[in-house]
C-alpha cells in the first residue's frame, strides 16, 4: 500500500501572491548636504585660526625686560636686563631691544621688579637721583609721613619734631627746623609700618638731618608734585 501523500499543485498565474522584496532605504540628500556644510564650516574655522596664529607671531616684537629686582637709584648692568618678545600693543611702550646698550649705567627712579617690562619713564636723566647731593636714610614711623604716597623724585620737607619730653624744638634747631630734600627710595613697610626713606639733601644739610634722624625726630611733608 502506497502511504505517500499526493502532491499539491503549485499555484500559477494571477492566483500566486507576490512576496515583498526588502531593500535598504535610500540616504536622504538633506543629511548629506548638512554633513558637507559642517565640514566646510570647520575647514573655514581652521583656516582662520591658522591665519590668526601666523599674524600674531609676525606682530611680536623684541623689547627690554627686567631680569632681576633692581632698587631705585642703582645703576643698571647687563645682568639686570634681558630681552623678551611681546605682542605689539599701542597701550604699552617698552624700550626696544636695540636700546639695551644705551640704558646700561642709567638709574631707575623707582624699584624695578623681575619680569616687568622696562619703560623709559622709569629711568632718570643724567647720573641718577641724588648723585650730586648727600644722602641720608631716615626711619619714618607710622604717622610721620603720608602713608603709601612717597615715590622716588618727590620733593619733601624734613621737619624736625620736638625732642621727647619737650614741647618745642631747642634753640639750635629753630633756624633749620625743616630741610628741603628729594626722595631717592622708599623701603617696604616693616611689621610696625615703619619705612626707611633715603633722602638727598644739600651738602651742608646732611649732618644735621642725620643727627635728627638718629633721634627719631624727623617727619616728612610731601610738597605738591606740580611744583
Protein backbone atom coordinates (compact mmCIF):
# COMPACT_ATOMS: atom_id res chain seq x y z
CA UNK A 1 0.00 0.00 0.00
CA UNK A 2 1.39 3.40 -1.00
CA UNK A 3 1.28 5.75 2.07
CA UNK A 4 2.81 8.86 0.39
CA UNK A 5 0.53 11.91 0.24
CA UNK A 6 -0.48 13.22 -3.14
CA UNK A 7 1.50 16.28 -4.41
CA UNK A 8 -0.24 19.56 -4.08
CA UNK A 9 -0.11 21.51 -7.32
CA UNK A 10 1.87 24.77 -7.17
CA UNK A 11 -0.36 27.78 -7.83
CA UNK A 12 0.32 29.63 -11.01
CA UNK A 13 -0.93 32.69 -12.80
CA UNK A 14 -2.69 35.53 -11.09
CA UNK A 15 -3.58 33.41 -8.06
CA UNK A 16 0.10 33.41 -6.92
CA UNK A 17 0.68 36.01 -4.21
CA UNK A 18 3.60 38.37 -4.71
CA UNK A 19 6.27 38.19 -1.98
CA UNK A 20 7.59 41.62 -0.77
CA UNK A 21 11.19 42.44 -1.65
CA UNK A 22 13.20 44.06 1.23
CA UNK A 23 15.64 46.80 0.18
CA UNK A 24 17.80 49.35 2.06
CA UNK A 25 16.17 52.78 2.48
CA UNK A 26 17.91 55.49 0.41
CA UNK A 27 20.02 58.05 2.33
CA UNK A 28 18.31 61.38 2.41
CA UNK A 29 20.00 64.07 0.40
CA UNK A 30 19.33 66.64 3.12
CA UNK A 31 21.51 64.75 5.60
CA UNK A 32 24.36 64.54 3.13
CA UNK A 33 24.20 68.28 2.48
CA UNK A 34 24.23 69.08 6.23
CA UNK A 35 27.34 66.97 6.75
CA UNK A 36 29.06 68.65 3.81
CA UNK A 37 28.14 72.11 5.11
CA UNK A 38 29.53 71.25 8.57
CA UNK A 39 32.82 70.12 7.04
CA UNK A 40 33.08 73.36 5.08
CA UNK A 41 32.47 75.44 8.23
CA UNK A 42 35.11 73.52 10.17
CA UNK A 43 37.60 73.98 7.35
CA UNK A 44 36.98 77.74 7.31
CA UNK A 45 37.39 77.99 11.11
CA UNK A 46 40.67 76.06 11.00
CA UNK A 47 41.95 78.30 8.21
CA UNK A 48 41.06 81.45 10.15
CA UNK A 49 42.75 80.10 13.30
CA UNK A 50 45.91 79.31 11.36
CA UNK A 51 45.93 82.78 9.80
CA UNK A 52 45.47 84.39 13.22
CA UNK A 53 48.36 82.37 14.66
CA UNK A 54 50.65 83.42 11.81
CA UNK A 55 49.69 87.08 12.15
CA UNK A 56 50.15 87.03 15.93
CA UNK A 57 53.63 85.58 15.56
CA UNK A 58 54.58 88.20 13.00
CA UNK A 59 53.27 91.05 15.24
CA UNK A 60 55.54 90.13 18.15
CA UNK A 61 58.42 92.47 18.87
CA UNK A 62 61.59 92.26 20.98
CA UNK A 63 61.73 94.61 23.97
CA UNK A 64 63.72 95.09 27.17
CA UNK A 65 62.59 93.46 30.41
CA UNK A 66 63.89 93.35 33.97
CA UNK A 67 65.92 90.20 34.68
CA UNK A 68 66.11 90.68 38.46
CA UNK A 69 64.97 93.10 41.16
CA UNK A 70 66.76 96.47 40.98
CA UNK A 71 66.36 99.07 43.75
CA UNK A 72 65.77 102.70 42.85
CA UNK A 73 68.95 104.67 42.20
CA UNK A 74 71.16 101.65 41.41
CA UNK A 75 72.93 101.78 38.07
CA UNK A 76 71.69 99.18 35.59
CA UNK A 77 74.07 96.46 34.44
CA UNK A 78 73.83 93.88 31.67
CA UNK A 79 72.77 91.27 34.24
CA UNK A 80 69.77 93.38 35.23
CA UNK A 81 68.27 93.46 31.73
CA UNK A 82 67.00 90.77 29.41
CA UNK A 83 65.22 90.65 26.06
CA UNK A 84 61.61 89.48 25.80
CA UNK A 85 59.15 89.07 22.93
CA UNK A 86 55.70 90.59 23.36
CA UNK A 87 52.75 91.24 21.07
CA UNK A 88 52.60 94.72 19.61
CA UNK A 89 50.23 96.80 21.75
CA UNK A 90 49.68 100.53 21.42
CA UNK A 91 48.91 100.68 25.16
CA UNK A 92 52.45 99.52 26.01
CA UNK A 93 55.61 101.49 25.38
CA UNK A 94 58.54 99.31 26.49
CA UNK A 95 62.04 100.13 25.33
CA UNK A 96 63.07 98.20 22.20
CA UNK A 97 65.77 95.55 22.50
CA UNK A 98 68.06 97.68 20.31
CA UNK A 99 68.33 100.21 23.18
CA UNK A 100 69.95 97.75 25.59
CA UNK A 101 73.42 99.27 25.37
CA UNK A 102 72.03 102.78 25.78
CA UNK A 103 70.31 102.06 29.12
CA UNK A 104 73.30 100.44 30.79
CA UNK A 105 74.54 102.70 33.59
CA UNK A 106 71.26 104.57 33.91
CA UNK A 107 69.47 104.54 37.24
CA UNK A 108 65.79 103.78 37.77
CA UNK A 109 63.71 106.34 39.62
CA UNK A 110 61.73 103.50 41.24
CA UNK A 111 62.22 99.91 42.30
CA UNK A 112 62.20 97.53 39.33
CA UNK A 113 60.73 94.06 39.76
CA UNK A 114 61.89 90.91 37.97
CA UNK A 115 59.75 90.08 34.94
CA UNK A 116 58.46 93.59 34.31
CA UNK A 117 58.96 95.49 31.07
CA UNK A 118 61.50 98.32 31.11
CA UNK A 119 59.97 101.73 30.33
CA UNK A 120 61.76 104.97 29.55
CA UNK A 121 59.68 106.74 32.23
CA UNK A 122 61.29 104.52 34.88
CA UNK A 123 64.77 105.82 34.17
CA UNK A 124 66.15 109.11 35.43
CA UNK A 125 68.14 111.50 33.32
CA UNK A 126 71.81 112.13 33.97
CA UNK A 127 73.66 110.14 36.63
CA UNK A 128 70.65 109.37 38.79
CA UNK A 129 68.71 110.62 41.77
CA UNK A 130 70.77 112.44 44.36
CA UNK A 131 74.23 111.62 42.98
CA UNK A 132 75.29 115.24 43.32
CA UNK A 133 73.91 115.55 46.87
CA UNK A 134 74.35 113.98 50.26
CA UNK A 135 72.03 111.10 51.05
CA UNK A 136 70.59 110.31 54.46
CA UNK A 137 68.49 107.33 55.47
CA UNK A 138 65.57 108.32 57.66
CA UNK A 139 63.49 105.79 59.60
CA UNK A 140 59.94 107.07 59.37
CA UNK A 141 57.38 105.60 61.73
CA UNK A 142 53.68 105.30 61.04
CA UNK A 143 52.11 108.75 61.05
CA UNK A 144 55.36 110.63 60.37
CA UNK A 145 54.88 110.66 56.59
CA UNK A 146 51.99 110.34 54.11
CA UNK A 147 51.07 106.66 54.04
CA UNK A 148 51.97 104.90 50.79
CA UNK A 149 52.28 108.06 48.68
CA UNK A 150 56.03 108.77 48.66
CA UNK A 151 57.82 107.82 45.45
CA UNK A 152 61.37 108.48 44.20
CA UNK A 153 61.68 112.01 42.88
CA UNK A 154 59.14 113.51 45.29
CA UNK A 155 60.17 116.77 46.93
CA UNK A 156 59.66 116.76 50.69
CA UNK A 157 60.29 118.85 53.77
CA UNK A 158 62.12 117.01 56.53
CA UNK A 159 60.58 118.67 59.57
CA UNK A 160 62.29 118.44 62.96
CA UNK A 161 59.86 117.33 65.66
CA UNK A 162 60.23 118.24 69.37
CA UNK A 163 62.59 116.14 71.44
CA UNK A 164 60.99 113.62 73.76
CA UNK A 165 59.66 115.40 76.84
CA UNK A 166 59.94 118.83 75.20
CA UNK A 167 57.07 120.88 73.76
CA UNK A 168 59.23 122.83 71.31
CA UNK A 169 62.46 122.36 69.43
CA UNK A 170 65.69 123.52 71.02
CA UNK A 171 67.26 126.83 70.04
CA UNK A 172 69.96 125.21 67.96
CA UNK A 173 67.28 123.60 65.78
CA UNK A 174 64.98 126.59 65.42
CA UNK A 175 66.75 128.17 62.46
CA UNK A 176 66.68 124.94 60.41
CA UNK A 177 63.58 123.18 61.71
CA UNK A 178 62.77 121.94 58.20
CA UNK A 179 65.08 120.93 55.38
CA UNK A 180 64.30 120.55 51.70
CA UNK A 181 65.02 117.07 50.36
CA UNK A 182 64.28 114.74 47.47
CA UNK A 183 63.13 111.14 47.93
CA UNK A 184 65.65 108.70 46.47
CA UNK A 185 63.99 105.44 47.51
CA UNK A 186 61.42 104.06 49.92
CA UNK A 187 61.68 100.64 51.53
CA UNK A 188 58.78 98.30 52.09
CA UNK A 189 56.98 98.77 55.43
CA UNK A 190 58.08 96.51 58.27
CA UNK A 191 55.73 94.77 60.71
CA UNK A 192 55.14 98.03 62.60
CA UNK A 193 54.50 100.05 59.45
CA UNK A 194 57.82 101.93 59.57
CA UNK A 195 59.76 102.59 56.37
CA UNK A 196 63.27 103.77 55.58
CA UNK A 197 63.27 106.74 53.24
CA UNK A 198 66.55 107.69 51.59
CA UNK A 199 66.67 111.46 51.17
CA UNK A 200 69.01 113.57 49.04
CA UNK A 201 69.82 116.94 50.60
CA UNK A 202 72.29 119.77 50.05
CA UNK A 203 75.89 119.11 51.07
CA UNK A 204 75.58 121.41 54.10
CA UNK A 205 72.42 119.79 55.46
CA UNK A 206 73.36 116.12 55.54
CA UNK A 207 74.97 116.05 59.02
CA UNK A 208 72.11 117.94 60.68
CA UNK A 209 69.49 115.70 59.08
CA UNK A 210 71.39 112.54 60.05
CA UNK A 211 71.66 113.76 63.67
CA UNK A 212 67.94 114.43 63.98
CA UNK A 213 67.02 111.22 62.16
CA UNK A 214 69.08 109.18 64.64
CA UNK A 215 66.93 110.63 67.43
CA UNK A 216 63.71 109.77 65.61
CA UNK A 217 62.81 113.44 65.32
CA UNK A 218 62.05 113.69 61.61
CA UNK A 219 58.62 113.85 59.99
CA UNK A 220 58.18 114.22 56.23
CA UNK A 221 55.84 116.55 54.40
CA UNK A 222 55.42 115.93 50.68
CA UNK A 223 55.43 119.02 48.51
CA UNK A 224 52.84 119.36 45.72
CA UNK A 225 54.02 117.40 42.70
CA UNK A 226 53.06 120.25 40.39
CA UNK A 227 55.86 122.36 41.85
